[in-house]
Amino acid sequence: MKGFKRVWLLLLTMVLANFAVAGIIVDTVVQREFVDWFGGYAYQHDLNDHSDFALGNVTGGLLEVSVWDDSQHWFDGPEVILFQVDALDWDSGGITFGHSFSGDLEFGALAALNTNGFLDVSIKSLMGDFYVGNSVLTLYSAVTDVAEPSTLGLLALGLAALLFSRRPKAPKWLA
């Protein structure tokens, strides 16, 4: 009975060790740029320098860009800011009214990241002036570990041991 529990524990450990896990990659662009009335600012997230990033593995993401008012004039009024992510297709960008931007990456932005590893971000002032702060890109990637042949061999050996480790039958004369 003791050996049976060990085999099951070994089998359970090997099965759980082969599951695919999701990797999280965080890329931060540190900046403090002033955007004047009707002006713009553009920058780029480059994921190719991350060792755990692989083209084609990104399954989702979140972009957060901080902005704040310059507070130089009391008559500035509210800021209206256009955030354009990768291309102006309105799937990942948006318009905010003086607030920081936070949005999920949609199809166009994910396709760009999976194709070349770059994400272009453009910020335009539709009204008002403000500062653009740090931009944090959080990506979720599917990291699938392929089981090594030795692991699969051990799994097969464990299953075979399980099949042949039955208790011997009692002699007929005892029954």
Protein backbone atom coordinates (compact mmCIF):
# COMPACT_ATOMS: atom_id res chain seq x y z
CA MET A 1 0.00 0.00 0.00
CA LYS A 2 2.91 2.34 0.76
CA GLY A 3 4.37 1.87 -2.73
CA PHE A 4 0.97 2.51 -4.31
CA LYS A 5 0.74 5.93 -2.61
CA ARG A 6 4.25 6.83 -3.76
CA VAL A 7 3.44 5.95 -7.36
CA TRP A 8 0.31 8.08 -7.29
CA LEU A 9 2.21 10.99 -5.71
CA LEU A 10 4.92 10.72 -8.38
CA LEU A 11 2.30 10.56 -11.12
CA LEU A 12 0.42 13.58 -9.78
CA THR A 13 3.64 15.61 -9.49
CA MET A 14 4.65 14.81 -13.06
CA VAL A 15 1.22 15.70 -14.46
CA LEU A 16 1.08 19.03 -12.62
CA ALA A 17 4.62 19.94 -13.70
CA ASN A 18 3.68 19.73 -17.38
CA PHE A 19 0.83 22.26 -17.41
CA ALA A 20 1.18 25.43 -19.49
CA VAL A 21 1.59 28.62 -17.48
CA ALA A 22 0.87 32.23 -18.38
CA GLY A 23 3.82 34.60 -18.33
CA ILE A 24 3.53 38.26 -17.40
CA ILE A 25 5.84 40.79 -19.01
CA VAL A 26 5.95 44.41 -17.82
CA ASP A 27 7.58 47.12 -19.93
CA THR A 28 7.85 50.70 -18.61
CA VAL A 29 8.74 53.78 -20.62
CA VAL A 30 9.92 56.44 -18.19
CA GLN A 31 9.10 59.91 -19.48
CA ARG A 32 8.05 63.42 -18.50
CA GLU A 33 7.06 65.25 -21.66
CA PHE A 34 5.09 68.48 -22.00
CA VAL A 35 2.34 68.55 -24.64
CA ASP A 36 1.10 72.02 -25.58
CA TRP A 37 -2.29 73.02 -26.97
CA PHE A 38 -3.07 70.98 -30.11
CA GLY A 39 0.39 69.42 -29.89
CA GLY A 40 1.36 65.79 -29.83
CA TYR A 41 3.88 63.33 -28.52
CA ALA A 42 4.73 59.81 -29.70
CA TYR A 43 6.84 57.02 -28.24
CA GLN A 44 7.30 53.29 -28.60
CA HIS A 45 7.32 50.23 -26.35
CA ASP A 46 10.05 47.83 -27.51
CA LEU A 47 9.50 44.30 -26.22
CA ASN A 48 12.33 42.71 -28.20
CA ASP A 49 14.83 43.47 -25.42
CA HIS A 50 12.90 41.34 -22.88
CA SER A 51 14.38 37.86 -22.59
CA ASP A 52 11.01 36.27 -21.79
CA PHE A 53 9.21 37.81 -24.79
CA ALA A 54 8.68 35.74 -27.93
CA LEU A 55 6.95 36.91 -31.10
CA GLY A 56 3.50 35.41 -31.48
CA ASN A 57 2.97 34.56 -27.79
CA VAL A 58 1.07 37.64 -26.59
CA THR A 59 -2.54 36.82 -25.73
CA GLY A 60 -3.60 40.02 -23.97
CA GLY A 61 -2.35 43.19 -22.39
CA LEU A 62 -3.03 46.43 -20.57
CA LEU A 63 -1.60 49.89 -21.32
CA GLU A 64 -1.52 52.56 -18.62
CA VAL A 65 -0.28 56.09 -19.37
CA SER A 66 -0.20 58.78 -16.69
CA VAL A 67 -0.95 62.41 -17.53
CA TRP A 68 -1.31 65.46 -15.33
CA ASP A 69 -2.13 69.12 -15.77
CA ASP A 70 0.70 71.63 -15.88
CA SER A 71 -1.32 73.93 -13.50
CA GLN A 72 0.37 77.05 -14.85
CA HIS A 73 -2.75 79.08 -15.60
CA TRP A 74 -6.08 79.21 -13.88
CA PHE A 75 -7.82 79.78 -17.23
CA ASP A 76 -6.44 76.67 -18.97
CA GLY A 77 -9.69 74.79 -18.75
CA PRO A 78 -10.07 71.04 -19.09
CA GLU A 79 -7.75 68.86 -21.15
CA VAL A 80 -9.12 66.64 -23.89
CA ILE A 81 -6.54 64.02 -24.82
CA LEU A 82 -6.53 61.53 -27.70
CA PHE A 83 -4.60 58.31 -27.06
CA GLN A 84 -3.77 56.47 -30.25
CA VAL A 85 -2.37 52.95 -29.85
CA ASP A 86 -0.60 51.53 -32.90
CA ALA A 87 -3.12 52.82 -35.45
CA LEU A 88 -6.21 54.95 -35.29
CA ASP A 89 -8.70 52.12 -35.48
CA TRP A 90 -10.35 52.92 -32.13
CA ASP A 91 -9.95 49.44 -30.77
CA SER A 92 -7.18 50.09 -28.22
CA GLY A 93 -6.99 53.89 -27.89
CA GLY A 94 -9.47 56.44 -26.66
CA ILE A 95 -10.21 59.97 -25.54
CA THR A 96 -9.92 61.13 -21.94
CA PHE A 97 -10.82 64.43 -20.33
CA GLY A 98 -7.68 65.32 -18.40
CA HIS A 99 -7.28 61.88 -16.88
CA SER A 100 -4.69 59.18 -17.25
CA PHE A 101 -5.34 56.44 -19.77
CA SER A 102 -5.84 52.78 -18.96
CA GLY A 103 -7.07 50.33 -21.54
CA ASP A 104 -6.89 46.74 -22.68
CA LEU A 105 -5.04 45.97 -25.89
CA GLU A 106 -7.36 44.81 -28.63
CA PHE A 107 -6.81 42.99 -31.92
CA GLY A 108 -4.80 45.63 -33.86
CA ALA A 109 -2.34 46.31 -31.05
CA LEU A 110 -1.90 42.62 -30.23
CA ALA A 111 -1.29 41.86 -33.90
CA ALA A 112 1.44 44.53 -34.04
CA LEU A 113 3.11 43.19 -30.90
CA ASN A 114 3.01 39.61 -32.15
CA THR A 115 4.37 40.64 -35.56
CA ASN A 116 7.35 42.82 -34.67
CA GLY A 117 7.50 43.33 -30.89
CA PHE A 118 6.84 47.08 -31.03
CA LEU A 119 3.83 49.06 -29.81
CA ASP A 120 3.53 52.64 -31.04
CA VAL A 121 1.68 55.10 -28.81
CA SER A 122 0.71 58.61 -29.91
CA ILE A 123 -0.83 61.24 -27.64
CA LYS A 124 -2.49 64.37 -29.01
CA SER A 125 -3.96 67.37 -27.28
CA LEU A 126 -7.39 68.15 -28.63
CA MET A 127 -7.72 70.88 -26.02
CA GLY A 128 -5.44 72.03 -23.19
CA ASP A 129 -1.83 71.41 -22.24
CA PHE A 130 -0.48 68.71 -19.95
CA TYR A 131 2.43 66.46 -19.05
CA VAL A 132 2.77 62.86 -20.17
CA GLY A 133 4.24 60.59 -17.51
CA ASN A 134 5.31 56.97 -17.38
CA SER A 135 3.74 54.41 -19.66
CA VAL A 136 3.37 50.88 -18.29
CA LEU A 137 2.59 48.03 -20.67
CA THR A 138 1.61 44.74 -19.03
CA LEU A 139 1.45 41.75 -21.37
CA TYR A 140 0.09 38.27 -20.85
CA SER A 141 1.76 35.58 -22.89
CA ALA A 142 1.08 31.89 -23.26
CA VAL A 143 4.21 30.02 -22.31
CA THR A 144 3.77 26.40 -23.24
CA ASP A 145 6.41 24.06 -21.95
CA VAL A 146 6.83 20.96 -24.05
CA ALA A 147 7.42 17.85 -22.01
CA GLU A 148 10.86 16.35 -22.50
CA PRO A 149 11.13 12.75 -23.70
CA SER A 150 12.65 11.67 -20.38
CA THR A 151 9.62 13.05 -18.51
CA LEU A 152 7.25 11.19 -20.78
CA GLY A 153 9.34 8.05 -20.37
CA LEU A 154 9.14 8.31 -16.59
CA LEU A 155 5.39 8.81 -16.84
CA ALA A 156 5.06 5.66 -18.99
CA LEU A 157 7.30 3.72 -16.59
CA GLY A 158 5.18 4.82 -13.63
CA LEU A 159 1.98 3.80 -15.37
CA ALA A 160 3.46 0.41 -16.28
CA ALA A 161 4.59 -0.10 -12.67
CA LEU A 162 1.09 0.75 -11.55
CA LEU A 163 -0.40 -1.87 -13.85
CA PHE A 164 1.94 -4.64 -12.76
CA SER A 165 1.98 -3.83 -9.05
CA ARG A 166 -1.24 -5.65 -8.20
CA ARG A 167 -1.28 -7.87 -5.17
CA PRO A 168 -0.69 -11.54 -5.91
CA LYS A 169 -3.81 -13.67 -5.90
CA ALA A 170 -4.36 -15.91 -2.93
CA PRO A 171 -4.01 -19.65 -3.62
CA LYS A 172 -7.27 -21.43 -4.43
CA TRP A 173 -6.95 -23.79 -1.50
CA LEU A 174 -7.19 -20.76 0.92
CA ALA A 175 -10.41 -19.48 -0.58
